[in-house]
Each structure stands twice: as structure tokens, then as C-alpha cells.
Amino acid sequence: MTVNFLLSLNVNEHTEKKNNLTYLSWAWAWAEALKADEAATFKVELFDGKCYMDVNGTGMVWVTVTMFNKPMTCMLPVMDYRNKPIPNPDAFAVNTAIMRCMTKALALHGLGLYIYSGEDIPQKPAKENEKDSSSYAETGHMKHTPRGGIGDDLPQDTKDYLLDMANATEELVQAGKAVQALEMINAAALEADQRVWLASQMSASTRGALKKAQIKPTES
């Protein structure tokens, strides 16, 4: 699988418009990266022991994504909902910026690159990749309806974050990558109520696959 293939992948169904900017689901993007290259990794660059660079009292995160043995580094300011830099950002804002920056670094490898250039139609795949592109696109995107009463106290941003993760988990499990899905969930270091809400967004078959992989997310 090549960068040319990643450039041809249509990500429109997995984006959201906010304040005239287009955001790609980080969890979905990372799931696609793992499908393309099982050895894909991302690294958050550190500055004096901190996961962001101080820029006149605001923060700039740097993330390096390595795919096909090629590292690509991207940077992104820690911003608020108005896309303005946040003075003395808290941990949640920094974490959000890191995941967005990781997604942009994936774009440097070709995944969803066109959304950052204002294009709304991806490049056509090369002839040798058309077959792979067709089967890959048929994976689809899981949609979930939250169960009543669960997660009522969670902020909407957190729910959006967890729903992205649930969608990515579904796709990874369907691709036979339950272990990678579990690693993704564990890396998020979720609190108990967040794990309950996350599990509530998954299908029974996905929760069953996670159990068989020996790590059990809390179920509702």
C-alpha cells in the first residue's frame, strides 16, 4: 500500500466543519493508518520535559508520524473553540491539539491531505491501486446512537472524542485488529465513566472481540 493510495482515499464522510475549518476524525484516521501500515507510529515531541513548546505564554505541539519507515513532523497551536491560541493551556486542550496535530501529520503522508488545501474531491487512484481503493472504501463508517441516560454528565467534546474512538474500534475489530484497538483505548487513559460511555457506543460483537483479546472495557 502506497502514499498514492492514501492520497486517493475519500475522507469526506469522516470530517466535520467547525468555524469554517474542516476537521478529520483523529481516531478514524489513525485506524486507517494502521490498516495501511501495521508498523505505523506517532511520537509527541517534548520540550524541556513538556509535550508542547511555549510560545509567548501559549502552546505549540509537535507530532511525528512514521509510516512506511518515513517520519513526517507537523506542528499545531493549542487553540480554543474559536481557533485562537490558549494562554497557559490545560491538559485537555493540549491533548486535543496533539490528536489534531497527529491527524495533520498523517495528511503529510497523504491521508486526507486534500481537505487542508481546500479541495473537496480527492485525487483519482492510479490504475494499479484502483482495486485496493475500492475494497478499502467499502469498509464504511460506523454510526452509533447514544443509549439513554449514559454519559449525560460528559461534555459534548468528550462525547465526540469517545464516539470517534468507538468508530475506530469498530473498524479495527472488523479488520481483525482487536489488539491494536485495545492498545488505542488503553493509551487514552480514560476515566471510569468515559469507559462506560465508550463501551455503550460499541456493538455487542465488538465488545465480545475485545473481551477475547483479554482486555475488557467497562460495559454498561
C-alpha atoms as a PDB file:
ATOM      1  CA  MET A   1       0.000   0.000   0.000  1.00  0.00           C
ATOM      2  CA  THR A   2       1.433   3.357  -1.014  1.00  0.00           C
ATOM      3  CA  VAL A   3       1.133   7.047  -0.323  1.00  0.00           C
ATOM      4  CA  ASN A   4      -0.532   7.314  -3.734  1.00  0.00           C
ATOM      5  CA  PHE A   5      -3.305   5.116  -2.336  1.00  0.00           C
ATOM      6  CA  LEU A   6      -3.662   7.307   0.762  1.00  0.00           C
ATOM      7  CA  LEU A   7      -3.976  10.390  -1.449  1.00  0.00           C
ATOM      8  CA  SER A   8      -6.848   8.729  -3.314  1.00  0.00           C
ATOM      9  CA  LEU A   9      -8.845   7.837  -0.184  1.00  0.00           C
ATOM     10  CA  ASN A  10     -12.043   9.900   0.184  1.00  0.00           C
ATOM     11  CA  VAL A  11     -12.346  11.022   3.813  1.00  0.00           C
ATOM     12  CA  ASN A  12     -15.353  13.337   3.392  1.00  0.00           C
ATOM     13  CA  GLU A  13     -17.709  11.132   5.456  1.00  0.00           C
ATOM     14  CA  HIS A  14     -15.359  11.367   8.420  1.00  0.00           C
ATOM     15  CA  THR A  15     -14.954  15.137   8.588  1.00  0.00           C
ATOM     16  CA  GLU A  16     -16.779  17.882  10.457  1.00  0.00           C
ATOM     17  CA  LYS A  17     -16.992  21.612   9.804  1.00  0.00           C
ATOM     18  CA  LYS A  18     -16.370  23.991  12.715  1.00  0.00           C
ATOM     19  CA  ASN A  19     -15.830  27.728  12.337  1.00  0.00           C
ATOM     20  CA  ASN A  20     -15.189  27.346   8.600  1.00  0.00           C
ATOM     21  CA  LEU A  21     -12.464  24.773   9.211  1.00  0.00           C
ATOM     22  CA  THR A  22     -12.653  21.088   8.322  1.00  0.00           C
ATOM     23  CA  TYR A  23     -11.653  18.548  10.954  1.00  0.00           C
ATOM     24  CA  LEU A  24     -10.948  14.888  10.241  1.00  0.00           C
ATOM     25  CA  SER A  25     -11.751  12.325  12.960  1.00  0.00           C
ATOM     26  CA  TRP A  26      -8.371  11.523  14.538  1.00  0.00           C
ATOM     27  CA  ALA A  27      -9.422   8.051  15.684  1.00  0.00           C
ATOM     28  CA  TRP A  28     -10.742   7.105  12.249  1.00  0.00           C
ATOM     29  CA  ALA A  29      -7.597   8.492  10.593  1.00  0.00           C
ATOM     30  CA  TRP A  30      -5.326   6.501  12.905  1.00  0.00           C
ATOM     31  CA  ALA A  31      -7.330   3.326  12.269  1.00  0.00           C
ATOM     32  CA  GLU A  32      -6.827   3.854   8.532  1.00  0.00           C
ATOM     33  CA  ALA A  33      -3.114   4.431   9.096  1.00  0.00           C
ATOM     34  CA  LEU A  34      -2.817   1.102  10.911  1.00  0.00           C
ATOM     35  CA  LYS A  35      -4.650  -0.642   8.095  1.00  0.00           C
ATOM     36  CA  ALA A  36      -2.208   0.858   5.606  1.00  0.00           C
ATOM     37  CA  ASP A  37       0.921   0.169   7.689  1.00  0.00           C
ATOM     38  CA  GLU A  38       0.756  -2.030  10.798  1.00  0.00           C
ATOM     39  CA  ALA A  39       4.110  -0.606  11.904  1.00  0.00           C
ATOM     40  CA  ALA A  40       2.844   2.996  11.863  1.00  0.00           C
ATOM     41  CA  THR A  41       3.748   5.009  14.980  1.00  0.00           C
ATOM     42  CA  PHE A  42       3.357   8.556  16.221  1.00  0.00           C
ATOM     43  CA  LYS A  43       5.544  10.451  18.671  1.00  0.00           C
ATOM     44  CA  VAL A  44       4.782  13.609  20.630  1.00  0.00           C
ATOM     45  CA  GLU A  45       7.883  15.790  20.690  1.00  0.00           C
ATOM     46  CA  LEU A  46       8.959  17.106  24.109  1.00  0.00           C
ATOM     47  CA  PHE A  47      10.360  20.497  25.061  1.00  0.00           C
ATOM     48  CA  ASP A  48      12.109  20.698  28.436  1.00  0.00           C
ATOM     49  CA  GLY A  49      10.007  17.738  29.574  1.00  0.00           C
ATOM     50  CA  LYS A  50       6.728  19.276  28.368  1.00  0.00           C
ATOM     51  CA  CYS A  51       4.630  17.955  25.487  1.00  0.00           C
ATOM     52  CA  TYR A  52       4.292  21.415  23.952  1.00  0.00           C
ATOM     53  CA  MET A  53       6.552  24.335  23.099  1.00  0.00           C
ATOM     54  CA  ASP A  54       5.931  27.571  24.971  1.00  0.00           C
ATOM     55  CA  VAL A  55       5.392  30.451  22.551  1.00  0.00           C
ATOM     56  CA  ASN A  56       4.916  33.722  24.437  1.00  0.00           C
ATOM     57  CA  GLY A  57       2.671  32.058  27.026  1.00  0.00           C
ATOM     58  CA  THR A  58       0.744  29.915  24.512  1.00  0.00           C
ATOM     59  CA  GLY A  59       1.474  26.375  23.368  1.00  0.00           C
ATOM     60  CA  MET A  60       2.590  24.688  20.146  1.00  0.00           C
ATOM     61  CA  VAL A  61       2.508  20.896  19.904  1.00  0.00           C
ATOM     62  CA  TRP A  62       4.714  18.888  17.546  1.00  0.00           C
ATOM     63  CA  VAL A  63       3.882  15.339  16.448  1.00  0.00           C
ATOM     64  CA  THR A  64       5.911  12.982  14.269  1.00  0.00           C
ATOM     65  CA  VAL A  65       4.096  10.200  12.419  1.00  0.00           C
ATOM     66  CA  THR A  66       6.190   7.423  10.895  1.00  0.00           C
ATOM     67  CA  MET A  67       4.665   5.347   8.100  1.00  0.00           C
ATOM     68  CA  PHE A  68       6.468   3.116   5.605  1.00  0.00           C
ATOM     69  CA  ASN A  69       9.664   3.909   7.562  1.00  0.00           C
ATOM     70  CA  LYS A  70       9.323   7.609   6.748  1.00  0.00           C
ATOM     71  CA  PRO A  71       8.880  10.149   9.595  1.00  0.00           C
ATOM     72  CA  MET A  72       6.831  13.299   8.963  1.00  0.00           C
ATOM     73  CA  THR A  73       6.528  16.060  11.586  1.00  0.00           C
ATOM     74  CA  CYS A  74       3.717  18.587  11.919  1.00  0.00           C
ATOM     75  CA  MET A  75       3.040  21.349  14.433  1.00  0.00           C
ATOM     76  CA  LEU A  76      -0.182  22.936  15.675  1.00  0.00           C
ATOM     77  CA  PRO A  77      -1.052  25.682  18.197  1.00  0.00           C
ATOM     78  CA  VAL A  78      -3.133  24.733  21.247  1.00  0.00           C
ATOM     79  CA  MET A  79      -6.376  26.552  20.391  1.00  0.00           C
ATOM     80  CA  ASP A  80      -9.828  27.191  21.832  1.00  0.00           C
ATOM     81  CA  TYR A  81     -13.188  26.713  20.080  1.00  0.00           C
ATOM     82  CA  ARG A  82     -12.629  29.986  18.190  1.00  0.00           C
ATOM     83  CA  ASN A  83      -9.299  28.647  16.863  1.00  0.00           C
ATOM     84  CA  LYS A  84      -7.394  31.186  18.962  1.00  0.00           C
ATOM     85  CA  PRO A  85      -4.206  30.215  20.872  1.00  0.00           C
ATOM     86  CA  ILE A  86      -4.898  29.489  24.557  1.00  0.00           C
ATOM     87  CA  PRO A  87      -2.697  31.197  27.176  1.00  0.00           C
ATOM     88  CA  ASN A  88      -1.360  28.653  29.700  1.00  0.00           C
ATOM     89  CA  PRO A  89      -3.352  25.746  28.159  1.00  0.00           C
ATOM     90  CA  ASP A  90      -4.680  22.980  30.393  1.00  0.00           C
ATOM     91  CA  ALA A  91      -4.108  19.256  29.878  1.00  0.00           C
ATOM     92  CA  PHE A  92      -7.346  18.655  27.974  1.00  0.00           C
ATOM     93  CA  ALA A  93      -6.638  21.421  25.460  1.00  0.00           C
ATOM     94  CA  VAL A  94      -3.095  20.140  24.939  1.00  0.00           C
ATOM     95  CA  ASN A  95      -4.348  16.582  24.426  1.00  0.00           C
ATOM     96  CA  THR A  96      -6.915  17.778  21.860  1.00  0.00           C
ATOM     97  CA  ALA A  97      -4.223  19.702  19.994  1.00  0.00           C
ATOM     98  CA  ILE A  98      -1.925  16.674  19.977  1.00  0.00           C
ATOM     99  CA  MET A  99      -4.552  14.428  18.377  1.00  0.00           C
ATOM    100  CA  ARG A 100      -5.416  17.094  15.797  1.00  0.00           C
ATOM    101  CA  CYS A 101      -1.722  17.549  15.081  1.00  0.00           C
ATOM    102  CA  MET A 102      -1.304  13.796  14.660  1.00  0.00           C
ATOM    103  CA  THR A 103      -4.095  13.876  12.075  1.00  0.00           C
ATOM    104  CA  LYS A 104      -2.347  16.690  10.200  1.00  0.00           C
ATOM    105  CA  ALA A 105       0.902  14.726  10.275  1.00  0.00           C
ATOM    106  CA  LEU A 106      -0.984  11.814   8.720  1.00  0.00           C
ATOM    107  CA  ALA A 107      -2.060  14.239   5.991  1.00  0.00           C
ATOM    108  CA  LEU A 108       1.619  14.807   5.212  1.00  0.00           C
ATOM    109  CA  HIS A 109       1.692  11.100   4.370  1.00  0.00           C
ATOM    110  CA  GLY A 110      -1.285  11.631   2.069  1.00  0.00           C
ATOM    111  CA  LEU A 111      -4.291  10.696   4.204  1.00  0.00           C
ATOM    112  CA  GLY A 112      -6.886  13.463   3.829  1.00  0.00           C
ATOM    113  CA  LEU A 113      -4.301  15.913   2.521  1.00  0.00           C
ATOM    114  CA  TYR A 114      -6.799  17.464   0.125  1.00  0.00           C
ATOM    115  CA  ILE A 115      -9.048  18.775   2.911  1.00  0.00           C
ATOM    116  CA  TYR A 116      -6.226  21.044   4.061  1.00  0.00           C
ATOM    117  CA  SER A 117      -5.797  22.529   0.594  1.00  0.00           C
ATOM    118  CA  GLY A 118      -9.469  23.447   0.225  1.00  0.00           C
ATOM    119  CA  GLU A 119     -10.224  20.678  -2.251  1.00  0.00           C
ATOM    120  CA  ASP A 120     -13.455  18.692  -1.830  1.00  0.00           C
ATOM    121  CA  ILE A 121     -12.639  15.840  -4.217  1.00  0.00           C
ATOM    122  CA  PRO A 122      -9.608  13.579  -3.688  1.00  0.00           C
ATOM    123  CA  GLN A 123      -7.236  12.568  -6.445  1.00  0.00           C
ATOM    124  CA  LYS A 124      -8.192   9.577  -8.579  1.00  0.00           C
ATOM    125  CA  PRO A 125      -6.200   6.457  -7.712  1.00  0.00           C
ATOM    126  CA  ALA A 126      -3.556   5.165 -10.068  1.00  0.00           C
ATOM    127  CA  LYS A 127      -4.710   2.174 -12.144  1.00  0.00           C
ATOM    128  CA  GLU A 128      -2.629  -0.274 -10.171  1.00  0.00           C
ATOM    129  CA  ASN A 129      -4.333   0.844  -6.937  1.00  0.00           C
ATOM    130  CA  GLU A 130      -7.958   1.036  -8.139  1.00  0.00           C
ATOM    131  CA  LYS A 131      -8.838  -2.463  -6.926  1.00  0.00           C
ATOM    132  CA  ASP A 132      -7.392  -1.875  -3.456  1.00  0.00           C
ATOM    133  CA  SER A 133      -9.047   1.538  -3.218  1.00  0.00           C
ATOM    134  CA  SER A 134     -12.484   0.107  -3.999  1.00  0.00           C
ATOM    135  CA  SER A 135     -12.345  -2.650  -1.389  1.00  0.00           C
ATOM    136  CA  TYR A 136     -10.799  -0.315   1.171  1.00  0.00           C
ATOM    137  CA  ALA A 137     -13.547   2.283   0.782  1.00  0.00           C
ATOM    138  CA  GLU A 138     -16.242  -0.355   1.276  1.00  0.00           C
ATOM    139  CA  THR A 139     -15.259  -0.642   4.944  1.00  0.00           C
ATOM    140  CA  GLY A 140     -17.646   2.261   5.692  1.00  0.00           C
ATOM    141  CA  HIS A 141     -18.056   4.283   8.878  1.00  0.00           C
ATOM    142  CA  MET A 142     -19.999   3.005  11.856  1.00  0.00           C
ATOM    143  CA  LYS A 143     -22.728   5.266  13.214  1.00  0.00           C
ATOM    144  CA  HIS A 144     -23.966   4.925  16.791  1.00  0.00           C
ATOM    145  CA  THR A 145     -26.896   6.304  18.729  1.00  0.00           C
ATOM    146  CA  PRO A 146     -26.092   7.008  22.411  1.00  0.00           C
ATOM    147  CA  ARG A 147     -28.132   4.991  24.881  1.00  0.00           C
ATOM    148  CA  GLY A 148     -30.475   6.979  27.074  1.00  0.00           C
ATOM    149  CA  GLY A 149     -29.066   8.192  30.391  1.00  0.00           C
ATOM    150  CA  ILE A 150     -25.490   7.079  29.735  1.00  0.00           C
ATOM    151  CA  GLY A 151     -22.914   9.849  29.732  1.00  0.00           C
ATOM    152  CA  ASP A 152     -25.396  12.655  30.385  1.00  0.00           C
ATOM    153  CA  ASP A 153     -22.802  14.437  32.518  1.00  0.00           C
ATOM    154  CA  LEU A 154     -19.976  14.177  29.974  1.00  0.00           C
ATOM    155  CA  PRO A 155     -19.079  17.342  27.991  1.00  0.00           C
ATOM    156  CA  GLN A 156     -20.010  17.218  24.324  1.00  0.00           C
ATOM    157  CA  ASP A 157     -16.360  17.497  23.266  1.00  0.00           C
ATOM    158  CA  THR A 158     -15.583  14.403  25.316  1.00  0.00           C
ATOM    159  CA  LYS A 159     -18.506  12.521  23.765  1.00  0.00           C
ATOM    160  CA  ASP A 160     -17.303  13.463  20.284  1.00  0.00           C
ATOM    161  CA  TYR A 161     -13.808  12.249  21.202  1.00  0.00           C
ATOM    162  CA  LEU A 162     -15.157   8.938  22.544  1.00  0.00           C
ATOM    163  CA  LEU A 163     -17.501   8.428  19.606  1.00  0.00           C
ATOM    164  CA  ASP A 164     -14.561   8.814  17.238  1.00  0.00           C
ATOM    165  CA  MET A 165     -12.738   6.192  19.280  1.00  0.00           C
ATOM    166  CA  ALA A 166     -15.750   3.828  19.204  1.00  0.00           C
ATOM    167  CA  ASN A 167     -15.964   4.162  15.423  1.00  0.00           C
ATOM    168  CA  ALA A 168     -12.247   3.473  15.035  1.00  0.00           C
ATOM    169  CA  THR A 169     -12.527   0.479  17.382  1.00  0.00           C
ATOM    170  CA  GLU A 170     -15.346  -0.981  15.293  1.00  0.00           C
ATOM    171  CA  GLU A 171     -13.317  -0.640  12.108  1.00  0.00           C
ATOM    172  CA  LEU A 172     -10.151  -2.087  13.636  1.00  0.00           C
ATOM    173  CA  VAL A 173     -12.049  -5.079  15.050  1.00  0.00           C
ATOM    174  CA  GLN A 174     -13.719  -5.658  11.688  1.00  0.00           C
ATOM    175  CA  ALA A 175     -10.250  -5.638  10.112  1.00  0.00           C
ATOM    176  CA  GLY A 176      -9.097  -8.293  12.607  1.00  0.00           C
ATOM    177  CA  LYS A 177      -7.027  -5.845  14.637  1.00  0.00           C
ATOM    178  CA  ALA A 178      -8.641  -6.103  18.071  1.00  0.00           C
ATOM    179  CA  VAL A 179      -5.258  -5.907  19.808  1.00  0.00           C
ATOM    180  CA  GLN A 180      -4.463  -2.582  18.140  1.00  0.00           C
ATOM    181  CA  ALA A 181      -7.926  -1.328  19.094  1.00  0.00           C
ATOM    182  CA  LEU A 182      -7.283  -2.219  22.728  1.00  0.00           C
ATOM    183  CA  GLU A 183      -3.916  -0.507  22.684  1.00  0.00           C
ATOM    184  CA  MET A 184      -5.599   2.631  21.346  1.00  0.00           C
ATOM    185  CA  ILE A 185      -8.231   2.537  24.121  1.00  0.00           C
ATOM    186  CA  ASN A 186      -5.684   1.933  26.869  1.00  0.00           C
ATOM    187  CA  ALA A 187      -3.411   4.714  25.588  1.00  0.00           C
ATOM    188  CA  ALA A 188      -6.285   7.172  26.055  1.00  0.00           C
ATOM    189  CA  ALA A 189      -6.232   6.553  29.856  1.00  0.00           C
ATOM    190  CA  LEU A 190      -9.984   7.062  30.138  1.00  0.00           C
ATOM    191  CA  GLU A 191     -11.821   7.595  33.407  1.00  0.00           C
ATOM    192  CA  ALA A 192     -14.420   5.032  34.530  1.00  0.00           C
ATOM    193  CA  ASP A 193     -17.473   6.950  33.289  1.00  0.00           C
ATOM    194  CA  GLN A 194     -15.781   7.620  29.967  1.00  0.00           C
ATOM    195  CA  ARG A 195     -15.057   3.900  29.515  1.00  0.00           C
ATOM    196  CA  VAL A 196     -18.686   3.082  30.286  1.00  0.00           C
ATOM    197  CA  TRP A 197     -19.909   5.544  27.660  1.00  0.00           C
ATOM    198  CA  LEU A 198     -17.327   4.318  25.136  1.00  0.00           C
ATOM    199  CA  ALA A 199     -18.441   0.709  25.605  1.00  0.00           C
ATOM    200  CA  SER A 200     -22.075   1.752  25.211  1.00  0.00           C
ATOM    201  CA  GLN A 201     -21.285   3.019  21.697  1.00  0.00           C
ATOM    202  CA  MET A 202     -19.854  -0.305  20.536  1.00  0.00           C
ATOM    203  CA  SER A 203     -21.736  -3.230  19.065  1.00  0.00           C
ATOM    204  CA  ALA A 204     -22.024  -6.413  21.109  1.00  0.00           C
ATOM    205  CA  SER A 205     -19.776  -8.247  18.651  1.00  0.00           C
ATOM    206  CA  THR A 206     -17.043  -5.633  19.056  1.00  0.00           C
ATOM    207  CA  ARG A 207     -17.209  -5.791  22.848  1.00  0.00           C
ATOM    208  CA  GLY A 208     -17.016  -9.564  22.554  1.00  0.00           C
ATOM    209  CA  ALA A 209     -13.908  -9.323  20.371  1.00  0.00           C
ATOM    210  CA  LEU A 210     -12.279  -7.013  22.907  1.00  0.00           C
ATOM    211  CA  LYS A 211     -13.018  -9.493  25.681  1.00  0.00           C
ATOM    212  CA  LYS A 212     -11.431 -12.307  23.692  1.00  0.00           C
ATOM    213  CA  ALA A 213      -8.348 -10.131  23.337  1.00  0.00           C
ATOM    214  CA  GLN A 214      -8.035 -10.264  27.148  1.00  0.00           C
ATOM    215  CA  ILE A 215      -8.697  -6.594  27.925  1.00  0.00           C
ATOM    216  CA  LYS A 216     -12.268  -5.758  28.816  1.00  0.00           C
ATOM    217  CA  PRO A 217     -13.593  -2.182  28.567  1.00  0.00           C
ATOM    218  CA  THR A 218     -16.308  -1.454  31.123  1.00  0.00           C
ATOM    219  CA  GLU A 219     -19.724  -2.324  29.759  1.00  0.00           C
ATOM    220  CA  SER A 220     -22.994  -0.610  30.511  1.00  0.00           C
END
